[in-house]
Amino acid sequence: MLYSLARSALFQLDAERAHELTITSFKHWPRLATAPFAGRAPDDPVKLLGLHFPNRVGLAAGLDKNGECIEAWARLGFGFIEVGTVTPRPQPGNPRPRMFRLVEQQALINRLGFNNKGVDYLLQQVAKADYQGILGINIGKNADTPIDRAADDYLICLRKVYQAASYVTVNISSPNTKNLRDLQDEAKLEALLKTLKAEHRELAQRHGKHTPLLVKIAPDVSPAQLDHIARLAVELGIDGLIATNTTLSRPGLEREALAKEQGGLSGAPLESLACETLRQLRARVGKDYPLVGVGGICSGEDARARRRAGADLLQIYTGFIYQGPRLIGDCAQA
């Protein structure tokens, strides 16, 4: 009830303005995330990636790009938190307006474009946070870095976040940075992952710590691309895959005016596509390879379906915006 009232007030604002207000509030007053809002998730410990997760439900990257609200998310009961996407240098992202609600469909369209305050700022926030749980840091490239130099940006971020992160996610699948998804093509992907994995091994040796390296993929990949991604991830020793990012398709939204807006679609309409991508990925990587399912999870039943499709862990974002903190507990319980 309380969240419904808060959501009604926030939904009177522009989508991005509501997001900024929430982030500012949770940054300065993390106790706002405490009950009666919070539906605490049940303890459901699982060991994966060499890490101990208190439950399988995490916060997806994108909601807290700069790591400013880590304590608040922890209070809500997430089993793990992923912040970012962060780039080497601060950047404003794409011009506004760039985020749109499709309320009846429980969906969002965004073309934010990795707007963030840069990796150094994020690390300052992480250092200040009173949080001992599992923290993923999602890394990307600056928009003005040529695609053939993308590895340079990922290497900068990987080196900087390696010690602070519980795991690192390489984001090659956002549709809102020009040509970024080209990195999912076979030759480019192999070159990038070989470069990152070589650096990853050196960092592990230097710091005496293995920080798992994951890759986040799009739901719009072809079967051939999915074959290449799965094969490379396993062969090169990438620790896990996250499926999926937002989609450029508009499943079931052809008659919606806002569906014509450019950007990635998230929320309930993405559920079937993201779930099927995960299912196909599981078939390619085998039963023991770590997979994180994300995209369109808006209920406990969606969480069960994603687990049946092969997800070891789940992440939520848009469903959390619409359903509120109770979704964390519902999914963990399911």
C-alpha atoms as a PDB file:
ATOM      1  CA  MET A   1       0.000   0.000   0.000  1.00  0.00           C
ATOM      2  CA  LEU A   2       2.713   2.457   1.001  1.00  0.00           C
ATOM      3  CA  TYR A   3       4.725   1.742  -2.137  1.00  0.00           C
ATOM      4  CA  SER A   4       1.597   2.167  -4.287  1.00  0.00           C
ATOM      5  CA  LEU A   5       1.172   5.676  -2.884  1.00  0.00           C
ATOM      6  CA  ALA A   6       4.838   6.524  -3.437  1.00  0.00           C
ATOM      7  CA  ARG A   7       4.696   5.156  -6.977  1.00  0.00           C
ATOM      8  CA  SER A   8       1.579   7.157  -7.786  1.00  0.00           C
ATOM      9  CA  ALA A   9       3.352  10.334  -6.732  1.00  0.00           C
ATOM     10  CA  LEU A  10       6.540   9.499  -8.637  1.00  0.00           C
ATOM     11  CA  PHE A  11       4.607   8.568 -11.764  1.00  0.00           C
ATOM     12  CA  GLN A  12       3.266  12.114 -11.909  1.00  0.00           C
ATOM     13  CA  LEU A  13       6.797  13.138 -12.822  1.00  0.00           C
ATOM     14  CA  ASP A  14       8.774  12.572 -15.996  1.00  0.00           C
ATOM     15  CA  ALA A  15      10.307   9.084 -15.832  1.00  0.00           C
ATOM     16  CA  GLU A  16      13.905  10.253 -15.597  1.00  0.00           C
ATOM     17  CA  ARG A  17      13.059  12.983 -13.100  1.00  0.00           C
ATOM     18  CA  ALA A  18      11.353  10.400 -10.879  1.00  0.00           C
ATOM     19  CA  HIS A  19      14.424   8.195 -11.164  1.00  0.00           C
ATOM     20  CA  GLU A  20      16.737  11.052 -10.183  1.00  0.00           C
ATOM     21  CA  LEU A  21      14.542  11.961  -7.201  1.00  0.00           C
ATOM     22  CA  THR A  22      14.584   8.369  -5.976  1.00  0.00           C
ATOM     23  CA  ILE A  23      18.360   8.096  -6.321  1.00  0.00           C
ATOM     24  CA  THR A  24      18.895  11.414  -4.520  1.00  0.00           C
ATOM     25  CA  SER A  25      16.565  10.403  -1.688  1.00  0.00           C
ATOM     26  CA  PHE A  26      18.117   6.969  -1.189  1.00  0.00           C
ATOM     27  CA  LYS A  27      21.625   8.425  -1.452  1.00  0.00           C
ATOM     28  CA  HIS A  28      21.088  10.888   1.384  1.00  0.00           C
ATOM     29  CA  TRP A  29      18.588   8.883   3.454  1.00  0.00           C
ATOM     30  CA  PRO A  30      19.212   5.165   2.939  1.00  0.00           C
ATOM     31  CA  ARG A  31      16.927   4.382   5.883  1.00  0.00           C
ATOM     32  CA  LEU A  32      14.007   5.311   3.642  1.00  0.00           C
ATOM     33  CA  ALA A  33      14.463   1.829   2.218  1.00  0.00           C
ATOM     34  CA  THR A  34      13.660   0.235   5.581  1.00  0.00           C
ATOM     35  CA  ALA A  35      10.249  -1.288   6.463  1.00  0.00           C
ATOM     36  CA  PRO A  36       7.307  -0.720   6.149  1.00  0.00           C
ATOM     37  CA  PHE A  37       8.278  -0.460   2.450  1.00  0.00           C
ATOM     38  CA  ALA A  38      10.687  -3.335   2.411  1.00  0.00           C
ATOM     39  CA  GLY A  39       9.497  -6.877   1.900  1.00  0.00           C
ATOM     40  CA  ARG A  40      12.546  -8.717   3.162  1.00  0.00           C
ATOM     41  CA  ALA A  41      13.618 -11.619   1.030  1.00  0.00           C
ATOM     42  CA  PRO A  42      13.926 -15.021   2.716  1.00  0.00           C
ATOM     43  CA  ASP A  43      17.344 -16.486   3.361  1.00  0.00           C
ATOM     44  CA  ASP A  44      18.144 -18.824   0.484  1.00  0.00           C
ATOM     45  CA  PRO A  45      21.928 -19.044   0.417  1.00  0.00           C
ATOM     46  CA  VAL A  46      23.653 -20.247  -2.719  1.00  0.00           C
ATOM     47  CA  LYS A  47      27.321 -20.493  -3.667  1.00  0.00           C
ATOM     48  CA  LEU A  48      28.178 -19.502  -7.222  1.00  0.00           C
ATOM     49  CA  LEU A  49      31.217 -17.929  -8.880  1.00  0.00           C
ATOM     50  CA  GLY A  50      33.094 -18.663  -5.675  1.00  0.00           C
ATOM     51  CA  LEU A  51      30.793 -16.216  -3.867  1.00  0.00           C
ATOM     52  CA  HIS A  52      28.145 -16.751  -1.189  1.00  0.00           C
ATOM     53  CA  PHE A  53      24.816 -15.134  -2.107  1.00  0.00           C
ATOM     54  CA  PRO A  54      22.228 -14.763   0.698  1.00  0.00           C
ATOM     55  CA  ASN A  55      19.489 -15.202  -1.909  1.00  0.00           C
ATOM     56  CA  ARG A  56      19.313 -15.484  -5.695  1.00  0.00           C
ATOM     57  CA  VAL A  57      17.683 -12.099  -6.463  1.00  0.00           C
ATOM     58  CA  GLY A  58      19.872  -9.135  -7.339  1.00  0.00           C
ATOM     59  CA  LEU A  59      19.507  -5.566  -8.513  1.00  0.00           C
ATOM     60  CA  ALA A  60      20.312  -5.230 -12.208  1.00  0.00           C
ATOM     61  CA  ALA A  61      22.747  -2.645 -13.503  1.00  0.00           C
ATOM     62  CA  GLY A  62      21.297   0.626 -14.738  1.00  0.00           C
ATOM     63  CA  LEU A  63      19.193   1.667 -11.776  1.00  0.00           C
ATOM     64  CA  ASP A  64      22.175   2.958  -9.797  1.00  0.00           C
ATOM     65  CA  LYS A  65      24.756   3.849 -12.427  1.00  0.00           C
ATOM     66  CA  ASN A  66      27.069   5.678 -10.020  1.00  0.00           C
ATOM     67  CA  GLY A  67      26.818   3.422  -6.971  1.00  0.00           C
ATOM     68  CA  GLU A  68      25.198   6.139  -4.867  1.00  0.00           C
ATOM     69  CA  CYS A  69      22.517   4.074  -3.097  1.00  0.00           C
ATOM     70  CA  ILE A  70      24.209   0.798  -2.218  1.00  0.00           C
ATOM     71  CA  GLU A  71      23.153   0.881   1.429  1.00  0.00           C
ATOM     72  CA  ALA A  72      19.520   1.485   0.490  1.00  0.00           C
ATOM     73  CA  TRP A  73      19.388  -1.451  -1.940  1.00  0.00           C
ATOM     74  CA  ALA A  74      20.913  -3.704   0.706  1.00  0.00           C
ATOM     75  CA  ARG A  75      18.195  -2.704   3.184  1.00  0.00           C
ATOM     76  CA  LEU A  76      15.537  -3.801   0.708  1.00  0.00           C
ATOM     77  CA  GLY A  77      16.780  -7.379   0.821  1.00  0.00           C
ATOM     78  CA  PHE A  78      18.590  -7.858  -2.489  1.00  0.00           C
ATOM     79  CA  GLY A  79      20.909 -10.863  -2.432  1.00  0.00           C
ATOM     80  CA  PHE A  80      23.429  -8.918  -4.486  1.00  0.00           C
ATOM     81  CA  ILE A  81      23.735  -5.502  -6.106  1.00  0.00           C
ATOM     82  CA  GLU A  82      25.124  -4.545  -9.504  1.00  0.00           C
ATOM     83  CA  VAL A  83      25.998  -0.893 -10.139  1.00  0.00           C
ATOM     84  CA  GLY A  84      26.929   0.891 -13.385  1.00  0.00           C
ATOM     85  CA  THR A  85      27.266   0.844 -16.291  1.00  0.00           C
ATOM     86  CA  VAL A  86      30.305   3.020 -15.644  1.00  0.00           C
ATOM     87  CA  THR A  87      32.787   4.367 -18.191  1.00  0.00           C
ATOM     88  CA  PRO A  88      36.378   5.618 -17.823  1.00  0.00           C
ATOM     89  CA  ARG A  89      35.348   9.271 -18.120  1.00  0.00           C
ATOM     90  CA  PRO A  90      32.135  10.991 -17.047  1.00  0.00           C
ATOM     91  CA  GLN A  91      29.635  11.516 -19.839  1.00  0.00           C
ATOM     92  CA  PRO A  92      26.149  13.067 -20.062  1.00  0.00           C
ATOM     93  CA  GLY A  93      24.555  10.382 -22.236  1.00  0.00           C
ATOM     94  CA  ASN A  94      22.035  11.070 -24.971  1.00  0.00           C
ATOM     95  CA  PRO A  95      19.806  14.175 -25.183  1.00  0.00           C
ATOM     96  CA  ARG A  96      16.598  14.306 -23.150  1.00  0.00           C
ATOM     97  CA  PRO A  97      13.868  13.116 -23.146  1.00  0.00           C
ATOM     98  CA  ARG A  98      15.352   9.637 -23.132  1.00  0.00           C
ATOM     99  CA  MET A  99      13.210   7.516 -20.796  1.00  0.00           C
ATOM    100  CA  PHE A 100       9.549   6.635 -21.333  1.00  0.00           C
ATOM    101  CA  ARG A 101       6.988   4.659 -19.334  1.00  0.00           C
ATOM    102  CA  LEU A 102       4.440   2.321 -20.863  1.00  0.00           C
ATOM    103  CA  VAL A 103       2.451   1.931 -17.675  1.00  0.00           C
ATOM    104  CA  GLU A 104      -0.276  -0.455 -18.833  1.00  0.00           C
ATOM    105  CA  GLN A 105       2.386  -2.798 -20.211  1.00  0.00           C
ATOM    106  CA  GLN A 106       4.696  -2.469 -17.150  1.00  0.00           C
ATOM    107  CA  ALA A 107       7.498  -1.447 -19.487  1.00  0.00           C
ATOM    108  CA  LEU A 108      10.148   1.206 -20.006  1.00  0.00           C
ATOM    109  CA  ILE A 109      11.961   2.431 -23.080  1.00  0.00           C
ATOM    110  CA  ASN A 110      15.272   4.168 -22.500  1.00  0.00           C
ATOM    111  CA  ARG A 111      18.022   5.589 -24.638  1.00  0.00           C
ATOM    112  CA  LEU A 112      20.096   6.969 -21.783  1.00  0.00           C
ATOM    113  CA  GLY A 113      23.449   6.126 -23.337  1.00  0.00           C
ATOM    114  CA  PHE A 114      25.660   5.249 -20.353  1.00  0.00           C
ATOM    115  CA  ASN A 115      25.130   8.594 -18.611  1.00  0.00           C
ATOM    116  CA  ASN A 116      27.401   8.391 -15.563  1.00  0.00           C
ATOM    117  CA  LYS A 117      29.924  10.300 -13.471  1.00  0.00           C
ATOM    118  CA  GLY A 118      32.896   8.119 -14.382  1.00  0.00           C
ATOM    119  CA  VAL A 119      34.640   5.175 -12.783  1.00  0.00           C
ATOM    120  CA  ASP A 120      36.597   7.219 -10.229  1.00  0.00           C
ATOM    121  CA  TYR A 121      33.414   8.743  -8.806  1.00  0.00           C
ATOM    122  CA  LEU A 122      31.748   5.331  -8.604  1.00  0.00           C
ATOM    123  CA  LEU A 123      34.697   3.907  -6.685  1.00  0.00           C
ATOM    124  CA  GLN A 124      34.475   6.792  -4.214  1.00  0.00           C
ATOM    125  CA  GLN A 125      30.840   5.876  -3.564  1.00  0.00           C
ATOM    126  CA  VAL A 126      31.674   2.203  -3.153  1.00  0.00           C
ATOM    127  CA  ALA A 127      34.401   3.041  -0.630  1.00  0.00           C
ATOM    128  CA  LYS A 128      31.958   5.144   1.408  1.00  0.00           C
ATOM    129  CA  ALA A 129      29.145   2.585   1.430  1.00  0.00           C
ATOM    130  CA  ASP A 130      28.503   0.579   4.578  1.00  0.00           C
ATOM    131  CA  TYR A 131      28.007  -2.678   2.702  1.00  0.00           C
ATOM    132  CA  GLN A 132      29.733  -6.017   3.073  1.00  0.00           C
ATOM    133  CA  GLY A 133      27.611  -7.959   0.581  1.00  0.00           C
ATOM    134  CA  ILE A 134      28.150  -8.979  -3.025  1.00  0.00           C
ATOM    135  CA  LEU A 135      28.697  -6.025  -5.349  1.00  0.00           C
ATOM    136  CA  GLY A 136      28.940  -6.310  -9.113  1.00  0.00           C
ATOM    137  CA  ILE A 137      30.366  -3.433 -11.123  1.00  0.00           C
ATOM    138  CA  ASN A 138      29.209  -3.153 -14.739  1.00  0.00           C
ATOM    139  CA  ILE A 139      31.711  -1.545 -17.122  1.00  0.00           C
ATOM    140  CA  GLY A 140      31.392  -0.024 -20.595  1.00  0.00           C
ATOM    141  CA  LYS A 141      33.099   2.278 -23.065  1.00  0.00           C
ATOM    142  CA  ASN A 142      32.753   6.015 -23.547  1.00  0.00           C
ATOM    143  CA  ALA A 143      30.547   7.014 -26.464  1.00  0.00           C
ATOM    144  CA  ASP A 144      33.334   8.941 -28.189  1.00  0.00           C
ATOM    145  CA  THR A 145      35.796   6.055 -28.049  1.00  0.00           C
ATOM    146  CA  PRO A 146      35.980   4.414 -31.494  1.00  0.00           C
ATOM    147  CA  ILE A 147      34.679   0.863 -31.539  1.00  0.00           C
ATOM    148  CA  ASP A 148      38.083  -0.435 -32.652  1.00  0.00           C
ATOM    149  CA  ARG A 149      39.551   1.048 -29.440  1.00  0.00           C
ATOM    150  CA  ALA A 150      36.784  -0.194 -27.159  1.00  0.00           C
ATOM    151  CA  ALA A 151      39.114  -2.631 -25.410  1.00  0.00           C
ATOM    152  CA  ASP A 152      41.152   0.324 -24.103  1.00  0.00           C
ATOM    153  CA  ASP A 153      38.140   1.635 -22.165  1.00  0.00           C
ATOM    154  CA  TYR A 154      37.173  -1.767 -20.803  1.00  0.00           C
ATOM    155  CA  LEU A 155      40.755  -2.342 -19.653  1.00  0.00           C
ATOM    156  CA  ILE A 156      40.848   1.000 -17.834  1.00  0.00           C
ATOM    157  CA  CYS A 157      37.664   0.180 -15.976  1.00  0.00           C
ATOM    158  CA  LEU A 158      38.606  -3.429 -15.266  1.00  0.00           C
ATOM    159  CA  ARG A 159      41.909  -2.417 -13.706  1.00  0.00           C
ATOM    160  CA  LYS A 160      40.291   0.257 -11.563  1.00  0.00           C
ATOM    161  CA  VAL A 161      37.316  -1.720 -10.251  1.00  0.00           C
ATOM    162  CA  TYR A 162      38.988  -5.109  -9.865  1.00  0.00           C
ATOM    163  CA  GLN A 163      39.712  -4.921  -6.140  1.00  0.00           C
ATOM    164  CA  ALA A 164      36.498  -3.134  -5.167  1.00  0.00           C
ATOM    165  CA  ALA A 165      34.130  -5.473  -7.012  1.00  0.00           C
ATOM    166  CA  SER A 166      32.852  -8.899  -6.011  1.00  0.00           C
ATOM    167  CA  TYR A 167      32.472  -9.496  -9.746  1.00  0.00           C
ATOM    168  CA  VAL A 168      32.819  -7.405 -12.901  1.00  0.00           C
ATOM    169  CA  THR A 169      30.333  -7.366 -15.794  1.00  0.00           C
ATOM    170  CA  VAL A 170      31.417  -6.403 -19.298  1.00  0.00           C
ATOM    171  CA  ASN A 171      28.490  -4.659 -20.991  1.00  0.00           C
ATOM    172  CA  ILE A 172      28.666  -5.191 -24.756  1.00  0.00           C
ATOM    173  CA  SER A 173      24.905  -5.214 -25.268  1.00  0.00           C
ATOM    174  CA  SER A 174      23.399  -1.804 -24.566  1.00  0.00           C
ATOM    175  CA  PRO A 175      21.538  -0.595 -27.673  1.00  0.00           C
ATOM    176  CA  ASN A 176      22.060   3.055 -26.744  1.00  0.00           C
ATOM    177  CA  THR A 177      25.781   3.503 -27.464  1.00  0.00           C
ATOM    178  CA  LYS A 178      26.485   3.637 -31.182  1.00  0.00           C
ATOM    179  CA  ASN A 179      27.943   0.403 -32.598  1.00  0.00           C
ATOM    180  CA  LEU A 180      28.403  -1.137 -29.131  1.00  0.00           C
ATOM    181  CA  ARG A 181      26.491  -4.282 -30.074  1.00  0.00           C
ATOM    182  CA  ASP A 182      28.940  -4.822 -32.927  1.00  0.00           C
ATOM    183  CA  LEU A 183      31.209  -6.172 -30.197  1.00  0.00           C
ATOM    184  CA  GLN A 184      28.972  -9.260 -30.062  1.00  0.00           C
ATOM    185  CA  ASP A 185      30.078 -10.250 -33.576  1.00  0.00           C
ATOM    186  CA  GLU A 186      32.436 -13.216 -33.605  1.00  0.00           C
ATOM    187  CA  ALA A 187      35.785 -11.648 -34.557  1.00  0.00           C
ATOM    188  CA  LYS A 188      35.340  -8.489 -32.451  1.00  0.00           C
ATOM    189  CA  LEU A 189      34.048 -10.459 -29.473  1.00  0.00           C
ATOM    190  CA  GLU A 190      36.922 -12.926 -29.580  1.00  0.00           C
ATOM    191  CA  ALA A 191      39.508 -10.146 -29.765  1.00  0.00           C
ATOM    192  CA  LEU A 192      37.910  -8.202 -26.921  1.00  0.00           C
ATOM    193  CA  LEU A 193      37.436 -11.163 -24.605  1.00  0.00           C
ATOM    194  CA  LYS A 194      40.949 -12.487 -25.197  1.00  0.00           C
ATOM    195  CA  THR A 195      42.361  -9.071 -24.312  1.00  0.00           C
ATOM    196  CA  LEU A 196      40.221  -8.737 -21.194  1.00  0.00           C
ATOM    197  CA  LYS A 197      40.840 -12.298 -20.053  1.00  0.00           C
ATOM    198  CA  ALA A 198      44.611 -11.873 -20.359  1.00  0.00           C
ATOM    199  CA  GLU A 199      44.423  -8.753 -18.191  1.00  0.00           C
ATOM    200  CA  HIS A 200      42.034 -10.527 -15.839  1.00  0.00           C
ATOM    201  CA  ARG A 201      44.611 -13.274 -15.208  1.00  0.00           C
ATOM    202  CA  GLU A 202      47.330 -10.704 -14.536  1.00  0.00           C
ATOM    203  CA  LEU A 203      45.125  -8.814 -12.093  1.00  0.00           C
ATOM    204  CA  ALA A 204      44.241 -11.998 -10.232  1.00  0.00           C
ATOM    205  CA  GLN A 205      47.920 -12.836  -9.842  1.00  0.00           C
ATOM    206  CA  ARG A 206      48.870  -9.299  -8.856  1.00  0.00           C
ATOM    207  CA  HIS A 207      46.167  -8.913  -6.225  1.00  0.00           C
ATOM    208  CA  GLY A 208      45.967 -12.503  -5.024  1.00  0.00           C
ATOM    209  CA  LYS A 209      42.235 -12.437  -5.632  1.00  0.00           C
ATOM    210  CA  HIS A 210      40.001 -13.883  -8.323  1.00  0.00           C
ATOM    211  CA  THR A 211      37.234 -11.413  -9.151  1.00  0.00           C
ATOM    212  CA  PRO A 212      34.817 -13.212 -11.500  1.00  0.00           C
ATOM    213  CA  LEU A 213      34.421 -11.720 -14.976  1.00  0.00           C
ATOM    214  CA  LEU A 214      30.974 -11.885 -16.594  1.00  0.00           C
ATOM    215  CA  VAL A 215      29.607 -10.677 -19.926  1.00  0.00           C
ATOM    216  CA  LYS A 216      26.125  -9.247 -20.462  1.00  0.00           C
ATOM    217  CA  ILE A 217      24.472 -10.031 -23.792  1.00  0.00           C
ATOM    218  CA  ALA A 218      21.488  -8.755 -25.775  1.00  0.00           C
ATOM    219  CA  PRO A 219      18.221 -10.620 -26.376  1.00  0.00           C
ATOM    220  CA  ASP A 220      18.394  -9.684 -30.061  1.00  0.00           C
ATOM    221  CA  VAL A 221      21.351 -11.890 -30.974  1.00  0.00           C
ATOM    222  CA  SER A 222      21.007 -14.384 -33.805  1.00  0.00           C
ATOM    223  CA  PRO A 223      21.366 -18.135 -33.185  1.00  0.00           C
ATOM    224  CA  ALA A 224      24.804 -17.967 -34.831  1.00  0.00           C
ATOM    225  CA  GLN A 225      25.874 -15.115 -32.540  1.00  0.00           C
ATOM    226  CA  LEU A 226      24.588 -17.036 -29.528  1.00  0.00           C
ATOM    227  CA  ASP A 227      26.673 -20.020 -30.621  1.00  0.00           C
ATOM    228  CA  HIS A 228      29.789 -17.839 -30.823  1.00  0.00           C
ATOM    229  CA  ILE A 229      29.144 -16.129 -27.491  1.00  0.00           C
ATOM    230  CA  ALA A 230      28.589 -19.420 -25.687  1.00  0.00           C
ATOM    231  CA  ARG A 231      31.623 -21.087 -27.227  1.00  0.00           C
ATOM    232  CA  LEU A 232      33.965 -18.183 -26.534  1.00  0.00           C
ATOM    233  CA  ALA A 233      32.751 -17.724 -22.976  1.00  0.00           C
ATOM    234  CA  VAL A 234      33.441 -21.354 -22.142  1.00  0.00           C
ATOM    235  CA  GLU A 235      36.700 -21.690 -24.091  1.00  0.00           C
ATOM    236  CA  LEU A 236      38.238 -18.447 -22.803  1.00  0.00           C
ATOM    237  CA  GLY A 237      37.260 -18.998 -19.182  1.00  0.00           C
ATOM    238  CA  ILE A 238      34.758 -16.172 -18.815  1.00  0.00           C
ATOM    239  CA  ASP A 239      33.192 -16.884 -15.423  1.00  0.00           C
ATOM    240  CA  GLY A 240      29.553 -16.371 -16.386  1.00  0.00           C
ATOM    241  CA  LEU A 241      27.032 -14.739 -18.706  1.00  0.00           C
ATOM    242  CA  ILE A 242      24.148 -12.374 -17.976  1.00  0.00           C
ATOM    243  CA  ALA A 243      21.133 -12.688 -20.271  1.00  0.00           C
ATOM    244  CA  THR A 244      19.692 -10.274 -21.211  1.00  0.00           C
ATOM    245  CA  ASN A 245      19.936  -6.547 -21.752  1.00  0.00           C
ATOM    246  CA  THR A 246      17.059  -4.516 -23.228  1.00  0.00           C
ATOM    247  CA  THR A 247      15.629  -5.205 -26.683  1.00  0.00           C
ATOM    248  CA  LEU A 248      15.257  -3.097 -29.808  1.00  0.00           C
ATOM    249  CA  SER A 249      12.196  -5.129 -30.784  1.00  0.00           C
ATOM    250  CA  ARG A 250       8.704  -4.163 -29.619  1.00  0.00           C
ATOM    251  CA  PRO A 251       6.910  -7.460 -28.884  1.00  0.00           C
ATOM    252  CA  GLY A 252       3.159  -6.880 -28.649  1.00  0.00           C
ATOM    253  CA  LEU A 253       3.533  -3.089 -28.674  1.00  0.00           C
ATOM    254  CA  GLU A 254       3.098  -2.367 -32.364  1.00  0.00           C
ATOM    255  CA  ARG A 255       0.068  -0.125 -31.776  1.00  0.00           C
ATOM    256  CA  GLU A 256       1.551   1.826 -28.882  1.00  0.00           C
ATOM    257  CA  ALA A 257       2.591   5.374 -29.787  1.00  0.00           C
ATOM    258  CA  LEU A 258       5.507   5.397 -27.353  1.00  0.00           C
ATOM    259  CA  ALA A 259       6.797   2.153 -28.828  1.00  0.00           C
ATOM    260  CA  LYS A 260       8.057   4.258 -31.733  1.00  0.00           C
ATOM    261  CA  GLU A 261      10.587   5.915 -29.431  1.00  0.00           C
ATOM    262  CA  GLN A 262      14.142   4.782 -30.053  1.00  0.00           C
ATOM    263  CA  GLY A 263      15.934   2.875 -27.326  1.00  0.00           C
ATOM    264  CA  GLY A 264      15.925  -0.364 -25.422  1.00  0.00           C
ATOM    265  CA  LEU A 265      12.685  -1.886 -24.164  1.00  0.00           C
ATOM    266  CA  SER A 266      12.575  -3.461 -20.703  1.00  0.00           C
ATOM    267  CA  GLY A 267       9.835  -4.809 -18.482  1.00  0.00           C
ATOM    268  CA  ALA A 268       7.024  -7.310 -18.960  1.00  0.00           C
ATOM    269  CA  PRO A 269       6.992  -7.360 -22.795  1.00  0.00           C
ATOM    270  CA  LEU A 270      10.627  -8.525 -22.742  1.00  0.00           C
ATOM    271  CA  GLU A 271       9.941 -11.557 -20.536  1.00  0.00           C
ATOM    272  CA  SER A 272       9.373 -14.195 -23.216  1.00  0.00           C
ATOM    273  CA  LEU A 273      12.287 -13.101 -25.389  1.00  0.00           C
ATOM    274  CA  ALA A 274      14.739 -12.855 -22.488  1.00  0.00           C
ATOM    275  CA  CYS A 275      13.609 -16.203 -21.087  1.00  0.00           C
ATOM    276  CA  GLU A 276      13.962 -17.949 -24.447  1.00  0.00           C
ATOM    277  CA  THR A 277      17.420 -16.437 -25.003  1.00  0.00           C
ATOM    278  CA  LEU A 278      18.482 -17.754 -21.623  1.00  0.00           C
ATOM    279  CA  ARG A 279      17.022 -21.182 -22.359  1.00  0.00           C
ATOM    280  CA  GLN A 280      18.948 -21.391 -25.625  1.00  0.00           C
ATOM    281  CA  LEU A 281      22.104 -20.180 -23.928  1.00  0.00           C
ATOM    282  CA  ARG A 282      21.803 -22.851 -21.234  1.00  0.00           C
ATOM    283  CA  ALA A 283      21.501 -25.521 -23.918  1.00  0.00           C
ATOM    284  CA  ARG A 284      24.783 -24.299 -25.420  1.00  0.00           C
ATOM    285  CA  VAL A 285      26.917 -23.875 -22.286  1.00  0.00           C
ATOM    286  CA  GLY A 286      25.839 -26.958 -20.352  1.00  0.00           C
ATOM    287  CA  LYS A 287      24.216 -27.409 -16.972  1.00  0.00           C
ATOM    288  CA  ASP A 288      27.063 -26.223 -14.740  1.00  0.00           C
ATOM    289  CA  TYR A 289      28.066 -22.936 -16.379  1.00  0.00           C
ATOM    290  CA  PRO A 290      26.940 -19.876 -14.310  1.00  0.00           C
ATOM    291  CA  LEU A 291      24.086 -17.904 -15.895  1.00  0.00           C
ATOM    292  CA  VAL A 292      22.240 -14.859 -14.574  1.00  0.00           C
ATOM    293  CA  GLY A 293      18.724 -14.257 -15.871  1.00  0.00           C
ATOM    294  CA  VAL A 294      17.401 -10.728 -16.247  1.00  0.00           C
ATOM    295  CA  GLY A 295      14.772  -8.999 -18.370  1.00  0.00           C
ATOM    296  CA  GLY A 296      11.036  -8.780 -17.818  1.00  0.00           C
ATOM    297  CA  ILE A 297      10.899 -10.505 -14.425  1.00  0.00           C
ATOM    298  CA  CYS A 298       7.797  -8.957 -12.861  1.00  0.00           C
ATOM    299  CA  SER A 299       6.422 -11.709 -10.602  1.00  0.00           C
ATOM    300  CA  GLY A 300       7.303 -14.795  -8.646  1.00  0.00           C
ATOM    301  CA  GLU A 301       6.034 -16.905 -11.537  1.00  0.00           C
ATOM    302  CA  ASP A 302       8.416 -15.088 -13.903  1.00  0.00           C
ATOM    303  CA  ALA A 303      11.224 -15.906 -11.472  1.00  0.00           C
ATOM    304  CA  ARG A 304      10.267 -19.599 -11.456  1.00  0.00           C
ATOM    305  CA  ALA A 305      10.154 -19.624 -15.260  1.00  0.00           C
ATOM    306  CA  ARG A 306      13.627 -18.094 -15.461  1.00  0.00           C
ATOM    307  CA  ARG A 307      15.009 -20.655 -13.050  1.00  0.00           C
ATOM    308  CA  ARG A 308      13.429 -23.451 -15.095  1.00  0.00           C
ATOM    309  CA  ALA A 309      15.040 -21.937 -18.195  1.00  0.00           C
ATOM    310  CA  GLY A 310      18.444 -22.292 -16.568  1.00  0.00           C
ATOM    311  CA  ALA A 311      19.180 -19.176 -14.503  1.00  0.00           C
ATOM    312  CA  ASP A 312      21.304 -19.676 -11.398  1.00  0.00           C
ATOM    313  CA  LEU A 313      20.726 -16.094 -10.258  1.00  0.00           C
ATOM    314  CA  LEU A 314      18.139 -13.460 -11.185  1.00  0.00           C
ATOM    315  CA  GLN A 315      18.234  -9.682 -11.502  1.00  0.00           C
ATOM    316  CA  ILE A 316      15.352  -7.211 -11.551  1.00  0.00           C
ATOM    317  CA  TYR A 317      14.996  -3.547 -12.478  1.00  0.00           C
ATOM    318  CA  THR A 318      11.859  -2.491 -14.387  1.00  0.00           C
ATOM    319  CA  GLY A 319       9.649  -4.980 -12.561  1.00  0.00           C
ATOM    320  CA  PHE A 320      10.963  -3.493  -9.321  1.00  0.00           C
ATOM    321  CA  ILE A 321       9.929  -0.018 -10.491  1.00  0.00           C
ATOM    322  CA  TYR A 322       6.359  -1.170 -11.089  1.00  0.00           C
ATOM    323  CA  GLN A 323       5.909  -3.733  -8.302  1.00  0.00           C
ATOM    324  CA  GLY A 324       8.062  -2.259  -5.588  1.00  0.00           C
ATOM    325  CA  PRO A 325      10.215  -3.962  -2.945  1.00  0.00           C
ATOM    326  CA  ARG A 326       7.773  -6.846  -2.429  1.00  0.00           C
ATOM    327  CA  LEU A 327       8.939  -8.212  -5.785  1.00  0.00           C
ATOM    328  CA  ILE A 328      12.338  -9.014  -4.263  1.00  0.00           C
ATOM    329  CA  GLY A 329      10.790 -11.288  -1.664  1.00  0.00           C
ATOM    330  CA  ASP A 330       8.284 -12.753  -4.104  1.00  0.00           C
ATOM    331  CA  CYS A 331      11.043 -13.748  -6.513  1.00  0.00           C
ATOM    332  CA  ALA A 332      13.369 -15.073  -3.819  1.00  0.00           C
ATOM    333  CA  GLN A 333      10.545 -17.109  -2.302  1.00  0.00           C
ATOM    334  CA  ALA A 334       9.531 -18.450  -5.706  1.00  0.00           C
END
